[in-house]
Amino acid sequence: MEGTEMSSRRIAVVAALMLGILGSGDALYAQDKYKVQVPNGLAFSEFKGYEGWQTISISQSGPLVSVILGNPSMIEAFESGVPNNGKPFPDGARMAKIHWVATKNLTAPGAPQVPGTLHDVDFMVKDGKRFADSGGWGYAFFKYDAASDTFAPGTLSDQPPQGNDAKCGFACHTVAKGRDYVFTEYAKR
């Protein structure tokens, strides 16, 4: 009887361990987005906490809706009049632009366009020394794959094409040179 009781306990312990291992399988294989990096460029980890940053503005372009967020340095600069006052954003200012595929909210009056599936996240950081040859800004584009719940750096086959460095967005932003390479207006509130 004592041997049977010990065997039962061993089986229960092994079963519990197996359930624990199998039950946490998703956690074992889930991507840590903060380990993703553009080759030779910015890392997602440089923008840790972006989800809680203040909204600068929102936009809609084609099938995507977006929110543009800024870290406290970026928001303080906008509130002090940058870039409309001709001054540049300070080093350390960061922006994140989150794109979703637009979908209609059929339960809200007027069926407004709202965020649906996550599409990608773009980042900008001001660092005049590190990015002296791209207007003082570093850029990153991370596309999202909903099927695998993972992020990956943009590539030259994406629209717009993304190079494998932190200057991937510079060519596009040169038209905003007079605004310190920032397209976004800080929306009145």
Protein backbone atom coordinates (compact mmCIF):
# COMPACT_ATOMS: atom_id res chain seq x y z
CA MET A 1 0.00 0.00 0.00
CA GLU A 2 2.83 2.34 0.87
CA GLY A 3 4.48 1.71 -2.52
CA THR A 4 1.22 2.40 -4.36
CA GLU A 5 0.75 5.66 -2.45
CA MET A 6 4.33 6.75 -3.32
CA SER A 7 3.77 5.86 -6.98
CA SER A 8 0.53 7.85 -7.03
CA ARG A 9 2.29 10.84 -5.51
CA ARG A 10 5.11 10.61 -8.06
CA ILE A 11 2.60 10.43 -10.90
CA ALA A 12 0.73 13.44 -9.47
CA VAL A 13 3.98 15.43 -9.18
CA VAL A 14 5.06 14.53 -12.72
CA ALA A 15 1.59 15.36 -14.05
CA ALA A 16 1.61 18.73 -12.26
CA LEU A 17 5.06 19.53 -13.65
CA MET A 18 3.99 18.55 -17.17
CA LEU A 19 0.84 20.67 -16.94
CA GLY A 20 2.92 23.57 -15.67
CA ILE A 21 5.37 23.23 -18.54
CA LEU A 22 2.69 22.73 -21.18
CA GLY A 23 0.46 25.43 -19.73
CA SER A 24 3.26 27.96 -19.87
CA GLY A 25 4.26 26.96 -23.40
CA ASP A 26 2.76 30.12 -24.85
CA ALA A 27 4.82 32.19 -22.45
CA LEU A 28 7.96 30.27 -23.35
CA TYR A 29 7.53 30.99 -27.05
CA ALA A 30 5.95 34.47 -26.95
CA GLN A 31 8.11 37.13 -28.54
CA ASP A 32 9.62 39.78 -26.32
CA LYS A 33 9.07 42.78 -28.60
CA TYR A 34 11.68 44.71 -26.66
CA LYS A 35 14.38 42.43 -28.09
CA VAL A 36 13.54 43.25 -31.72
CA GLN A 37 15.93 45.65 -33.46
CA VAL A 38 16.43 47.12 -36.90
CA PRO A 39 19.76 45.70 -38.14
CA ASN A 40 22.38 48.43 -37.56
CA GLY A 41 19.60 50.63 -36.17
CA LEU A 42 17.14 51.34 -33.41
CA ALA A 43 15.86 48.74 -30.98
CA PHE A 44 12.26 48.45 -29.80
CA SER A 45 13.69 48.59 -26.26
CA GLU A 46 14.73 52.23 -26.79
CA PHE A 47 11.01 53.06 -26.66
CA LYS A 48 9.96 50.95 -23.71
CA GLY A 49 6.78 52.35 -22.18
CA TYR A 50 5.64 54.11 -25.37
CA GLU A 51 2.17 52.64 -24.88
CA GLY A 52 1.61 55.06 -22.00
CA TRP A 53 2.95 58.21 -23.67
CA GLN A 54 0.68 61.20 -24.26
CA THR A 55 -1.14 61.57 -27.57
CA ILE A 56 0.28 64.18 -29.93
CA SER A 57 -2.24 63.62 -32.68
CA ILE A 58 -4.23 61.05 -34.64
CA SER A 59 -4.42 60.44 -38.37
CA GLN A 60 -6.03 58.31 -41.02
CA SER A 61 -4.38 57.47 -44.32
CA GLY A 62 -5.90 54.94 -46.68
CA PRO A 63 -6.93 51.82 -44.78
CA LEU A 64 -4.95 52.74 -41.65
CA VAL A 65 -5.82 54.76 -38.55
CA SER A 66 -2.97 55.97 -36.38
CA VAL A 67 -2.14 57.55 -33.07
CA ILE A 68 1.08 59.53 -32.69
CA LEU A 69 2.49 59.52 -29.16
CA GLY A 70 5.31 61.48 -27.54
CA ASN A 71 7.49 60.94 -24.52
CA PRO A 72 7.52 63.74 -21.91
CA SER A 73 10.46 65.55 -23.62
CA MET A 74 8.59 65.58 -26.93
CA ILE A 75 5.37 66.83 -25.34
CA GLU A 76 7.19 69.57 -23.39
CA ALA A 77 8.86 70.75 -26.61
CA PHE A 78 5.56 70.88 -28.48
CA GLU A 79 3.92 72.75 -25.59
CA SER A 80 6.76 75.31 -25.62
CA GLY A 81 6.12 76.01 -29.32
CA VAL A 82 8.65 73.71 -31.05
CA PRO A 83 8.92 73.48 -34.06
CA ASN A 84 6.67 76.42 -34.99
CA ASN A 85 8.95 78.77 -33.03
CA GLY A 86 11.90 77.75 -35.22
CA LYS A 87 13.63 75.81 -32.46
CA PRO A 88 14.60 72.16 -32.80
CA PHE A 89 13.34 69.34 -30.63
CA PRO A 90 15.74 68.45 -27.79
CA ASP A 91 17.90 65.36 -27.76
CA GLY A 92 15.96 62.59 -26.05
CA ALA A 93 12.62 63.54 -27.61
CA ARG A 94 10.85 60.42 -28.83
CA MET A 95 7.75 59.70 -30.91
CA ALA A 96 5.82 56.51 -31.62
CA LYS A 97 3.23 56.12 -34.35
CA ILE A 98 0.95 53.11 -34.02
CA HIS A 99 -0.97 52.04 -37.14
CA TRP A 100 -4.03 49.82 -37.15
CA VAL A 101 -6.16 48.60 -40.03
CA ALA A 102 -9.33 50.69 -39.78
CA THR A 103 -12.59 48.95 -39.04
CA LYS A 104 -16.10 50.25 -38.46
CA ASN A 105 -17.56 50.23 -34.99
CA LEU A 106 -21.02 49.00 -35.89
CA THR A 107 -22.38 49.45 -32.37
CA ALA A 108 -21.52 53.16 -32.14
CA PRO A 109 -23.75 55.83 -33.68
CA GLY A 110 -22.57 56.62 -37.22
CA ALA A 111 -20.34 53.50 -37.38
CA PRO A 112 -17.06 55.46 -36.95
CA GLN A 113 -13.69 54.13 -38.16
CA VAL A 114 -11.73 52.75 -35.22
CA PRO A 115 -8.54 50.72 -34.76
CA GLY A 116 -8.81 47.09 -35.81
CA THR A 117 -5.85 44.76 -36.30
CA LEU A 118 -2.46 46.21 -35.37
CA HIS A 119 -0.42 46.90 -38.53
CA ASP A 120 2.93 48.37 -37.43
CA VAL A 121 4.70 50.70 -35.02
CA ASP A 122 7.10 53.46 -36.14
CA PHE A 123 9.58 55.24 -33.89
CA MET A 124 11.67 58.42 -34.02
CA VAL A 125 14.29 59.57 -31.54
CA LYS A 126 16.24 62.83 -31.50
CA ASP A 127 19.93 62.35 -30.84
CA GLY A 128 22.08 64.94 -32.61
CA LYS A 129 25.36 63.11 -32.01
CA ARG A 130 24.24 59.61 -32.87
CA PHE A 131 22.25 60.68 -35.95
CA ALA A 132 24.13 63.79 -37.09
CA ASP A 133 23.93 62.70 -40.72
CA SER A 134 20.12 62.31 -40.69
CA GLY A 135 18.99 65.64 -39.27
CA GLY A 136 19.58 64.48 -35.71
CA TRP A 137 16.81 61.88 -35.89
CA GLY A 138 16.86 58.09 -35.84
CA TYR A 139 13.96 56.12 -37.29
CA ALA A 140 12.56 52.60 -37.01
CA PHE A 141 9.64 50.72 -38.55
CA PHE A 142 8.41 47.46 -37.00
CA LYS A 143 5.69 45.58 -38.86
CA TYR A 144 3.32 43.40 -36.90
CA ASP A 145 2.20 39.88 -37.84
CA ALA A 146 -1.12 39.11 -36.13
CA ALA A 147 -0.96 35.37 -36.94
CA SER A 148 2.26 34.92 -34.96
CA ASP A 149 1.80 37.93 -32.64
CA THR A 150 5.30 39.14 -33.50
CA PHE A 151 7.10 42.25 -34.69
CA ALA A 152 9.85 42.41 -37.31
CA PRO A 153 11.91 45.30 -38.72
CA GLY A 154 10.66 46.74 -41.99
CA THR A 155 12.48 45.82 -45.19
CA LEU A 156 13.12 47.27 -48.63
CA SER A 157 10.05 45.38 -49.93
CA ASP A 158 7.71 47.24 -47.53
CA GLN A 159 5.78 50.39 -48.41
CA PRO A 160 7.45 52.73 -47.88
CA PRO A 161 10.73 50.79 -48.30
CA GLN A 162 12.77 50.58 -45.10
CA GLY A 163 16.55 50.36 -45.11
CA ASN A 164 18.39 48.41 -42.48
CA ASP A 165 19.60 51.29 -40.38
CA ALA A 166 18.31 54.06 -38.17
CA LYS A 167 18.15 56.48 -41.12
CA CYS A 168 15.45 54.49 -42.93
CA GLY A 169 12.89 57.31 -42.55
CA PHE A 170 15.18 60.25 -43.25
CA ALA A 171 14.56 60.51 -47.01
CA CYS A 172 10.82 60.73 -46.43
CA HIS A 173 11.17 63.34 -43.68
CA THR A 174 13.44 65.76 -45.57
CA VAL A 175 10.35 67.60 -46.87
CA ALA A 176 9.71 68.60 -43.23
CA LYS A 177 13.25 69.96 -42.67
CA GLY A 178 11.82 73.39 -41.71
CA ARG A 179 9.87 71.67 -38.91
CA ASP A 180 12.92 69.79 -37.61
CA TYR A 181 11.90 66.79 -39.75
CA VAL A 182 8.60 66.27 -37.89
CA PHE A 183 5.36 66.10 -39.89
CA THR A 184 2.98 65.92 -36.95
CA GLU A 185 1.23 68.98 -35.59
CA TYR A 186 0.50 69.04 -31.89
CA ALA A 187 -3.29 69.10 -31.87
CA LYS A 188 -4.99 71.86 -29.87
CA ARG A 189 -6.70 70.61 -26.74
